[in-house]
Amino acid sequence: MAPRLHLKVICPEEMLFQWYVDKVVVPTEDWELALLPGHISLVAVLGGGKIIVYPSYAENENFLKTLQDDKIIISIQSGTLSIDGESITMTVHALQ
């Protein structure tokens, strides 16, 4: 099985998204950052923009049939993230 990441996107009120993913692109305060399985451990502040999620086909094949271009886009104003190479947790403070 190909390596993948477990992603959690949390708002203060609820769990917004939780899934296995192949790749996530996030806006930081200065640039966009692509997160892949095996990424070094990192804590970062998210800037305003779009989180682009590429779900894992192995785990989400039925879910992907409802997606356009096989990706999910979440617009945010700010947030934080932590990654340890196997999982990503994002706390999103404000959705656009």
Protein backbone atom coordinates (compact mmCIF):
# COMPACT_ATOMS: atom_id res chain seq x y z
CA MET A 1 0.00 0.00 0.00
CA ALA A 2 1.29 3.44 -0.92
CA PRO A 3 2.16 5.79 1.93
CA ARG A 4 -0.56 8.26 2.87
CA LEU A 5 -1.39 10.84 5.53
CA HIS A 6 -4.24 10.93 8.01
CA LEU A 7 -5.71 14.45 7.86
CA LYS A 8 -7.93 16.15 10.44
CA VAL A 9 -9.31 19.66 9.85
CA ILE A 10 -10.92 21.04 13.00
CA CYS A 11 -13.00 24.18 13.56
CA PRO A 12 -13.59 25.39 17.11
CA GLU A 13 -17.17 24.10 16.89
CA GLU A 14 -16.68 20.73 15.14
CA MET A 15 -14.55 18.28 13.19
CA LEU A 16 -14.78 19.61 9.64
CA PHE A 17 -12.92 16.88 7.74
CA GLN A 18 -11.11 13.64 8.57
CA TRP A 19 -9.72 11.35 5.87
CA TYR A 20 -6.67 9.60 4.46
CA VAL A 21 -4.96 11.71 1.82
CA ASP A 22 -2.09 11.48 -0.65
CA LYS A 23 -1.23 15.19 -0.59
CA VAL A 24 -2.35 18.48 0.96
CA VAL A 25 -1.43 21.99 -0.22
CA VAL A 26 -1.86 24.73 2.39
CA PRO A 27 -1.41 28.51 2.46
CA THR A 28 1.09 29.73 5.05
CA GLU A 29 1.66 33.38 5.87
CA ASP A 30 4.43 33.63 3.23
CA TRP A 31 3.94 30.84 0.65
CA GLU A 32 2.09 27.62 -0.22
CA LEU A 33 3.35 24.41 1.31
CA ALA A 34 2.79 20.91 -0.16
CA LEU A 35 2.59 18.16 2.47
CA LEU A 36 3.29 14.56 1.45
CA PRO A 37 3.65 11.31 3.42
CA GLY A 38 6.98 11.25 5.26
CA HIS A 39 7.19 15.07 5.55
CA ILE A 40 9.43 16.25 8.37
CA SER A 41 7.70 17.23 11.61
CA LEU A 42 6.49 20.80 11.40
CA VAL A 43 4.23 23.31 13.11
CA ALA A 44 3.06 26.26 10.99
CA VAL A 45 0.67 29.20 10.98
CA LEU A 46 -1.79 29.15 8.09
CA GLY A 47 -2.61 32.31 6.19
CA GLY A 48 -5.76 33.11 4.27
CA GLY A 49 -6.40 31.08 1.15
CA LYS A 50 -7.36 27.60 0.04
CA ILE A 51 -6.45 24.22 1.49
CA ILE A 52 -6.34 21.75 -1.40
CA VAL A 53 -6.84 18.12 -0.33
CA TYR A 54 -6.07 15.15 -2.58
CA PRO A 55 -7.87 12.15 -0.97
CA SER A 56 -6.28 8.70 -1.11
CA TYR A 57 -7.87 6.49 -3.76
CA ALA A 58 -7.23 3.35 -1.74
CA GLU A 59 -9.43 4.47 1.14
CA ASN A 60 -11.88 6.83 -0.53
CA GLU A 61 -12.76 5.42 -3.95
CA ASN A 62 -16.54 5.78 -3.52
CA PHE A 63 -16.19 9.25 -2.01
CA LEU A 64 -14.10 10.47 -4.95
CA LYS A 65 -16.90 9.79 -7.43
CA THR A 66 -18.60 12.90 -6.06
CA LEU A 67 -15.53 15.15 -6.37
CA GLN A 68 -14.58 17.32 -9.31
CA ASP A 69 -10.94 16.82 -10.37
CA ASP A 70 -10.42 14.41 -7.42
CA LYS A 71 -9.69 17.17 -4.90
CA ILE A 72 -11.41 19.00 -2.07
CA ILE A 73 -10.95 22.73 -1.59
CA ILE A 74 -11.50 24.38 1.80
CA SER A 75 -11.25 28.20 1.93
CA ILE A 76 -9.87 29.61 5.18
CA GLN A 77 -8.86 32.93 6.71
CA SER A 78 -6.38 31.60 9.28
CA GLY A 79 -5.33 28.58 11.29
CA THR A 80 -2.49 26.35 12.46
CA LEU A 81 -1.18 22.96 11.43
CA SER A 82 1.07 20.25 12.77
CA ILE A 83 2.47 17.30 10.83
CA ASP A 84 4.55 14.36 12.01
CA GLY A 85 5.06 12.55 8.69
CA GLU A 86 2.06 10.25 9.17
CA SER A 87 -0.71 12.62 10.24
CA ILE A 88 -1.71 16.26 9.86
CA THR A 89 -3.91 18.17 12.27
CA MET A 90 -5.20 21.60 11.22
CA THR A 91 -7.14 23.94 13.47
CA VAL A 92 -8.99 26.42 11.29
CA HIS A 93 -10.01 29.58 13.11
CA ALA A 94 -12.22 31.14 10.45
CA LEU A 95 -13.71 29.77 7.24
CA GLN A 96 -14.16 32.12 4.30
